[in-house]
Amino acid sequence: MLLCACAPTVNVNLPAPAGTPISTSPPSPSPESSPTPTGAPTTTPPPTAAPTTEQARPAGPQTLRLSYGQTARLRYFDVTALRQEFGKDQISIGWKVRVCYAAPHPEAGSDGRTRVSNNPWSVRVRDGEGGGQAKTVPISSLPRDAGWVPEFRETRLALGQCQEGWLPVKHENPDLQWNGLTYAPADFGDRITWS
């Protein structure tokens, strides 16, 4: 799993190759993570080249569970659910999201642009007072609250451009429990859930 370096990342422990001894002792701190004594000279490591798009992108659809603020690095997009906030009125909720067009895909328009919208986004919600099972509901089917600015709107992005804004809902029920935000674009097969 690859994640964008522009947001907090997820640590993934991959299995060691066969025959590799596995250490159970905690890792020793690296020089970069150890505190520098006051007055000691510091050095900055030399910059490294960023990986190319072909090296950094996964080959197929991704299914991930992330925390708010983490970025999913997908085949064609970098997608982040930045945060979830409740309105002061307690009957609205919003999710601030960012979608960046990061690698060209074959279904892009003849001008190289691609469409982004709120269609791939859904939420898992449950009535905390009435009980029952949680339901997954598309954001586009919920009542919109125009008080959240800027709103994430449908637009067309050129390669390298991002769209950022709020997915706002006026739910009018303070007993609802919101259990995650999911990005699942029908065209690409990815399913990313933040909670």
C-alpha atoms as a PDB file:
ATOM      1  CA  MET A   1       0.000   0.000   0.000  1.00  0.00           C
ATOM      2  CA  LEU A   2       1.402   3.365  -0.966  1.00  0.00           C
ATOM      3  CA  LEU A   3       0.288   6.602   0.586  1.00  0.00           C
ATOM      4  CA  CYS A   4       0.918  10.233  -0.239  1.00  0.00           C
ATOM      5  CA  ALA A   5       3.789  11.836   1.650  1.00  0.00           C
ATOM      6  CA  CYS A   6       1.739  15.041   1.901  1.00  0.00           C
ATOM      7  CA  ALA A   7      -0.417  13.708   4.763  1.00  0.00           C
ATOM      8  CA  PRO A   8       0.067  11.351   7.693  1.00  0.00           C
ATOM      9  CA  THR A   9       0.805   7.851   6.462  1.00  0.00           C
ATOM     10  CA  VAL A  10      -0.160   4.369   7.495  1.00  0.00           C
ATOM     11  CA  ASN A  11       2.618   2.078   8.730  1.00  0.00           C
ATOM     12  CA  VAL A  12       2.471  -1.293   7.011  1.00  0.00           C
ATOM     13  CA  ASN A  13       4.458  -4.262   8.311  1.00  0.00           C
ATOM     14  CA  LEU A  14       5.257  -6.529   5.394  1.00  0.00           C
ATOM     15  CA  PRO A  15       6.294 -10.147   6.037  1.00  0.00           C
ATOM     16  CA  ALA A  16      10.041 -10.779   5.926  1.00  0.00           C
ATOM     17  CA  PRO A  17      11.354 -12.795   2.948  1.00  0.00           C
ATOM     18  CA  ALA A  18      11.774 -16.514   3.624  1.00  0.00           C
ATOM     19  CA  GLY A  19      14.952 -17.249   5.562  1.00  0.00           C
ATOM     20  CA  THR A  20      15.196 -13.727   7.006  1.00  0.00           C
ATOM     21  CA  PRO A  21      15.544 -13.762  10.798  1.00  0.00           C
ATOM     22  CA  ILE A  22      12.815 -11.760  12.520  1.00  0.00           C
ATOM     23  CA  SER A  23      13.839  -9.616  15.477  1.00  0.00           C
ATOM     24  CA  THR A  24      11.395  -9.319  18.361  1.00  0.00           C
ATOM     25  CA  SER A  25      13.353  -6.605  20.141  1.00  0.00           C
ATOM     26  CA  PRO A  26      12.196  -3.006  19.707  1.00  0.00           C
ATOM     27  CA  PRO A  27      14.049  -1.061  17.026  1.00  0.00           C
ATOM     28  CA  SER A  28      16.780   1.272  18.172  1.00  0.00           C
ATOM     29  CA  PRO A  29      16.010   4.940  17.578  1.00  0.00           C
ATOM     30  CA  SER A  30      17.330   6.398  14.362  1.00  0.00           C
ATOM     31  CA  PRO A  31      19.518   9.494  14.514  1.00  0.00           C
ATOM     32  CA  GLU A  32      16.661  11.488  12.963  1.00  0.00           C
ATOM     33  CA  SER A  33      14.214  10.518  15.742  1.00  0.00           C
ATOM     34  CA  SER A  34      16.604  11.000  18.657  1.00  0.00           C
ATOM     35  CA  PRO A  35      16.542  14.404  20.313  1.00  0.00           C
ATOM     36  CA  THR A  36      19.455  16.667  19.462  1.00  0.00           C
ATOM     37  CA  PRO A  37      21.311  18.004  22.492  1.00  0.00           C
ATOM     38  CA  THR A  38      21.152  21.781  22.818  1.00  0.00           C
ATOM     39  CA  GLY A  39      24.011  23.448  21.017  1.00  0.00           C
ATOM     40  CA  ALA A  40      24.920  20.353  18.991  1.00  0.00           C
ATOM     41  CA  PRO A  41      25.275  20.889  15.244  1.00  0.00           C
ATOM     42  CA  THR A  42      22.512  19.370  13.128  1.00  0.00           C
ATOM     43  CA  THR A  43      22.750  18.035   9.626  1.00  0.00           C
ATOM     44  CA  THR A  44      20.014  17.707   7.073  1.00  0.00           C
ATOM     45  CA  PRO A  45      19.997  14.565   4.940  1.00  0.00           C
ATOM     46  CA  PRO A  46      20.384  15.237   1.213  1.00  0.00           C
ATOM     47  CA  PRO A  47      17.113  15.453  -0.715  1.00  0.00           C
ATOM     48  CA  THR A  48      16.000  12.342  -2.569  1.00  0.00           C
ATOM     49  CA  ALA A  49      14.234  12.185  -5.876  1.00  0.00           C
ATOM     50  CA  ALA A  50      10.494  11.687  -5.635  1.00  0.00           C
ATOM     51  CA  PRO A  51       9.348   8.392  -7.111  1.00  0.00           C
ATOM     52  CA  THR A  52       7.847   8.617 -10.560  1.00  0.00           C
ATOM     53  CA  THR A  53       4.114   8.196 -10.971  1.00  0.00           C
ATOM     54  CA  GLU A  54       4.591   4.745 -12.519  1.00  0.00           C
ATOM     55  CA  GLN A  55       6.643   3.556  -9.512  1.00  0.00           C
ATOM     56  CA  ALA A  56       4.402   5.035  -6.836  1.00  0.00           C
ATOM     57  CA  ARG A  57       0.923   4.060  -8.062  1.00  0.00           C
ATOM     58  CA  PRO A  58      -0.715   0.727  -7.185  1.00  0.00           C
ATOM     59  CA  ALA A  59      -1.529  -1.542 -10.128  1.00  0.00           C
ATOM     60  CA  GLY A  60      -5.167  -2.192  -9.236  1.00  0.00           C
ATOM     61  CA  PRO A  61      -8.112  -1.194  -7.072  1.00  0.00           C
ATOM     62  CA  GLN A  62      -7.436  -0.606  -3.370  1.00  0.00           C
ATOM     63  CA  THR A  63      -9.562  -1.463  -0.322  1.00  0.00           C
ATOM     64  CA  LEU A  64      -8.306   0.480   2.709  1.00  0.00           C
ATOM     65  CA  ARG A  65      -9.426   1.568   6.194  1.00  0.00           C
ATOM     66  CA  LEU A  66      -7.814   4.843   7.228  1.00  0.00           C
ATOM     67  CA  SER A  67      -8.087   7.480   9.927  1.00  0.00           C
ATOM     68  CA  TYR A  68      -9.249  10.989   9.103  1.00  0.00           C
ATOM     69  CA  GLY A  69      -6.322  13.005   7.778  1.00  0.00           C
ATOM     70  CA  GLN A  70      -4.666  10.067   6.015  1.00  0.00           C
ATOM     71  CA  THR A  71      -4.321   9.974   2.233  1.00  0.00           C
ATOM     72  CA  ALA A  72      -5.169   7.023   0.016  1.00  0.00           C
ATOM     73  CA  ARG A  73      -2.735   6.868  -2.889  1.00  0.00           C
ATOM     74  CA  LEU A  74      -4.729   5.185  -5.660  1.00  0.00           C
ATOM     75  CA  ARG A  75      -3.980   4.370  -9.310  1.00  0.00           C
ATOM     76  CA  TYR A  76      -5.172   7.737 -10.611  1.00  0.00           C
ATOM     77  CA  PHE A  77      -6.049   9.847  -7.577  1.00  0.00           C
ATOM     78  CA  ASP A  78      -4.762  10.860  -4.149  1.00  0.00           C
ATOM     79  CA  VAL A  79      -7.836  11.041  -1.903  1.00  0.00           C
ATOM     80  CA  THR A  80      -7.976  12.416   1.646  1.00  0.00           C
ATOM     81  CA  ALA A  81     -10.839  12.721   4.120  1.00  0.00           C
ATOM     82  CA  LEU A  82      -9.301  15.541   6.135  1.00  0.00           C
ATOM     83  CA  ARG A  83     -11.798  15.648   9.011  1.00  0.00           C
ATOM     84  CA  GLN A  84     -15.366  15.269  10.224  1.00  0.00           C
ATOM     85  CA  GLU A  85     -17.067  18.127  12.100  1.00  0.00           C
ATOM     86  CA  PHE A  86     -20.479  18.654  13.642  1.00  0.00           C
ATOM     87  CA  GLY A  87     -22.287  21.932  13.062  1.00  0.00           C
ATOM     88  CA  LYS A  88     -22.917  24.253  15.991  1.00  0.00           C
ATOM     89  CA  ASP A  89     -26.618  23.509  15.576  1.00  0.00           C
ATOM     90  CA  GLN A  90     -25.997  19.767  16.236  1.00  0.00           C
ATOM     91  CA  ILE A  91     -28.235  18.883  13.295  1.00  0.00           C
ATOM     92  CA  SER A  92     -25.631  19.199  10.576  1.00  0.00           C
ATOM     93  CA  ILE A  93     -22.357  17.433   9.891  1.00  0.00           C
ATOM     94  CA  GLY A  94     -19.626  17.922   7.320  1.00  0.00           C
ATOM     95  CA  TRP A  95     -16.612  16.055   6.028  1.00  0.00           C
ATOM     96  CA  LYS A  96     -13.742  18.039   4.529  1.00  0.00           C
ATOM     97  CA  VAL A  97     -12.224  16.076   1.636  1.00  0.00           C
ATOM     98  CA  ARG A  98      -9.550  16.519  -1.023  1.00  0.00           C
ATOM     99  CA  VAL A  99      -9.274  14.665  -4.344  1.00  0.00           C
ATOM    100  CA  CYS A 100      -6.165  15.165  -6.501  1.00  0.00           C
ATOM    101  CA  TYR A 101      -5.859  13.914 -10.084  1.00  0.00           C
ATOM    102  CA  ALA A 102      -2.413  12.351  -9.832  1.00  0.00           C
ATOM    103  CA  ALA A 103      -1.942   9.998 -12.818  1.00  0.00           C
ATOM    104  CA  PRO A 104      -3.579   9.933 -16.265  1.00  0.00           C
ATOM    105  CA  HIS A 105      -6.279   7.338 -16.860  1.00  0.00           C
ATOM    106  CA  PRO A 106      -7.735   6.000 -20.116  1.00  0.00           C
ATOM    107  CA  GLU A 107     -11.271   7.308 -19.487  1.00  0.00           C
ATOM    108  CA  ALA A 108     -10.155  10.949 -19.143  1.00  0.00           C
ATOM    109  CA  GLY A 109     -11.661  13.423 -21.573  1.00  0.00           C
ATOM    110  CA  SER A 110      -9.989  14.306 -24.868  1.00  0.00           C
ATOM    111  CA  ASP A 111      -8.596  17.406 -23.124  1.00  0.00           C
ATOM    112  CA  GLY A 112      -6.936  15.158 -20.493  1.00  0.00           C
ATOM    113  CA  ARG A 113      -9.300  16.326 -17.745  1.00  0.00           C
ATOM    114  CA  THR A 114     -11.325  14.053 -15.485  1.00  0.00           C
ATOM    115  CA  ARG A 115     -14.556  14.597 -13.556  1.00  0.00           C
ATOM    116  CA  VAL A 116     -14.742  14.542  -9.749  1.00  0.00           C
ATOM    117  CA  SER A 117     -17.966  14.849  -7.743  1.00  0.00           C
ATOM    118  CA  ASN A 118     -19.658  13.784  -4.529  1.00  0.00           C
ATOM    119  CA  ASN A 119     -21.097  10.653  -6.234  1.00  0.00           C
ATOM    120  CA  PRO A 120     -18.377   8.237  -4.960  1.00  0.00           C
ATOM    121  CA  TRP A 121     -18.867   9.330  -1.332  1.00  0.00           C
ATOM    122  CA  SER A 122     -21.138   7.597   1.199  1.00  0.00           C
ATOM    123  CA  VAL A 123     -21.514   7.517   4.988  1.00  0.00           C
ATOM    124  CA  ARG A 124     -22.355   4.797   7.471  1.00  0.00           C
ATOM    125  CA  VAL A 125     -25.055   6.066   9.841  1.00  0.00           C
ATOM    126  CA  ARG A 126     -27.207   4.621  12.628  1.00  0.00           C
ATOM    127  CA  ASP A 127     -30.028   6.065  14.728  1.00  0.00           C
ATOM    128  CA  GLY A 128     -28.583   6.022  18.246  1.00  0.00           C
ATOM    129  CA  GLU A 129     -31.968   6.393  19.903  1.00  0.00           C
ATOM    130  CA  GLY A 130     -34.136   4.197  17.691  1.00  0.00           C
ATOM    131  CA  GLY A 131     -31.611   1.365  17.423  1.00  0.00           C
ATOM    132  CA  GLY A 132     -31.359  -0.839  14.392  1.00  0.00           C
ATOM    133  CA  GLN A 133     -28.507  -1.599  12.057  1.00  0.00           C
ATOM    134  CA  ALA A 134     -26.184   1.023  10.592  1.00  0.00           C
ATOM    135  CA  LYS A 135     -26.889   1.851   6.952  1.00  0.00           C
ATOM    136  CA  THR A 136     -24.606   3.033   4.179  1.00  0.00           C
ATOM    137  CA  VAL A 137     -26.113   6.100   2.522  1.00  0.00           C
ATOM    138  CA  PRO A 138     -24.749   7.997  -0.515  1.00  0.00           C
ATOM    139  CA  ILE A 139     -23.842  11.596   0.378  1.00  0.00           C
ATOM    140  CA  SER A 140     -25.621  12.770  -2.785  1.00  0.00           C
ATOM    141  CA  SER A 141     -28.948  11.387  -1.452  1.00  0.00           C
ATOM    142  CA  LEU A 142     -28.817  13.295   1.862  1.00  0.00           C
ATOM    143  CA  PRO A 143     -30.125  16.850   2.420  1.00  0.00           C
ATOM    144  CA  ARG A 144     -27.339  19.326   1.722  1.00  0.00           C
ATOM    145  CA  ASP A 145     -26.404  22.076   4.188  1.00  0.00           C
ATOM    146  CA  ALA A 146     -25.240  25.128   2.218  1.00  0.00           C
ATOM    147  CA  GLY A 147     -23.634  26.690   5.314  1.00  0.00           C
ATOM    148  CA  TRP A 148     -20.364  24.757   4.887  1.00  0.00           C
ATOM    149  CA  VAL A 149     -17.920  26.681   2.690  1.00  0.00           C
ATOM    150  CA  PRO A 150     -16.307  25.808   0.379  1.00  0.00           C
ATOM    151  CA  GLU A 151     -18.492  22.921  -0.654  1.00  0.00           C
ATOM    152  CA  PHE A 152     -16.975  20.017  -2.604  1.00  0.00           C
ATOM    153  CA  ARG A 153     -18.602  20.420  -5.998  1.00  0.00           C
ATOM    154  CA  GLU A 154     -18.525  18.543  -9.251  1.00  0.00           C
ATOM    155  CA  THR A 155     -15.730  19.803 -11.461  1.00  0.00           C
ATOM    156  CA  ARG A 156     -13.223  18.654 -14.065  1.00  0.00           C
ATOM    157  CA  LEU A 157      -9.571  18.488 -13.046  1.00  0.00           C
ATOM    158  CA  ALA A 158      -6.437  18.604 -15.171  1.00  0.00           C
ATOM    159  CA  LEU A 159      -3.582  16.302 -14.236  1.00  0.00           C
ATOM    160  CA  GLY A 160      -1.960  17.639 -11.043  1.00  0.00           C
ATOM    161  CA  GLN A 161      -5.011  19.634  -9.902  1.00  0.00           C
ATOM    162  CA  CYS A 162      -6.958  19.066  -6.674  1.00  0.00           C
ATOM    163  CA  GLN A 163     -10.512  19.774  -5.553  1.00  0.00           C
ATOM    164  CA  GLU A 164     -11.021  20.377  -1.818  1.00  0.00           C
ATOM    165  CA  GLY A 165     -14.168  21.213   0.096  1.00  0.00           C
ATOM    166  CA  TRP A 166     -16.908  20.070   2.438  1.00  0.00           C
ATOM    167  CA  LEU A 167     -19.468  17.305   1.976  1.00  0.00           C
ATOM    168  CA  PRO A 168     -22.196  18.909   4.156  1.00  0.00           C
ATOM    169  CA  VAL A 169     -25.357  17.209   5.428  1.00  0.00           C
ATOM    170  CA  LYS A 170     -28.322  18.747   7.288  1.00  0.00           C
ATOM    171  CA  HIS A 171     -29.688  15.671   9.064  1.00  0.00           C
ATOM    172  CA  GLU A 172     -31.936  17.316  11.716  1.00  0.00           C
ATOM    173  CA  ASN A 173     -31.508  14.388  14.141  1.00  0.00           C
ATOM    174  CA  PRO A 174     -28.982  14.843  16.973  1.00  0.00           C
ATOM    175  CA  ASP A 175     -29.248  11.115  17.830  1.00  0.00           C
ATOM    176  CA  LEU A 176     -27.632   9.901  14.602  1.00  0.00           C
ATOM    177  CA  GLN A 177     -24.288   8.127  14.940  1.00  0.00           C
ATOM    178  CA  TRP A 178     -21.897   8.618  12.022  1.00  0.00           C
ATOM    179  CA  ASN A 179     -19.571   5.612  11.686  1.00  0.00           C
ATOM    180  CA  GLY A 180     -17.349   6.330   8.719  1.00  0.00           C
ATOM    181  CA  LEU A 181     -16.980   8.028   5.353  1.00  0.00           C
ATOM    182  CA  THR A 182     -16.346   5.908   2.243  1.00  0.00           C
ATOM    183  CA  TYR A 183     -14.932   6.801  -1.188  1.00  0.00           C
ATOM    184  CA  ALA A 184     -15.842   4.143  -3.779  1.00  0.00           C
ATOM    185  CA  PRO A 185     -15.776   5.389  -7.387  1.00  0.00           C
ATOM    186  CA  ALA A 186     -17.800   3.030  -9.611  1.00  0.00           C
ATOM    187  CA  ASP A 187     -15.361   3.311 -12.544  1.00  0.00           C
ATOM    188  CA  PHE A 188     -12.214   2.225 -10.690  1.00  0.00           C
ATOM    189  CA  GLY A 189     -13.208  -0.347  -8.043  1.00  0.00           C
ATOM    190  CA  ASP A 190     -11.486   1.317  -5.065  1.00  0.00           C
ATOM    191  CA  ARG A 191     -13.156   1.324  -1.624  1.00  0.00           C
ATOM    192  CA  ILE A 192     -11.554   3.562   1.002  1.00  0.00           C
ATOM    193  CA  THR A 193     -13.170   4.116   4.410  1.00  0.00           C
ATOM    194  CA  TRP A 194     -12.132   6.736   6.960  1.00  0.00           C
ATOM    195  CA  SER A 195     -13.256   6.670  10.581  1.00  0.00           C
END
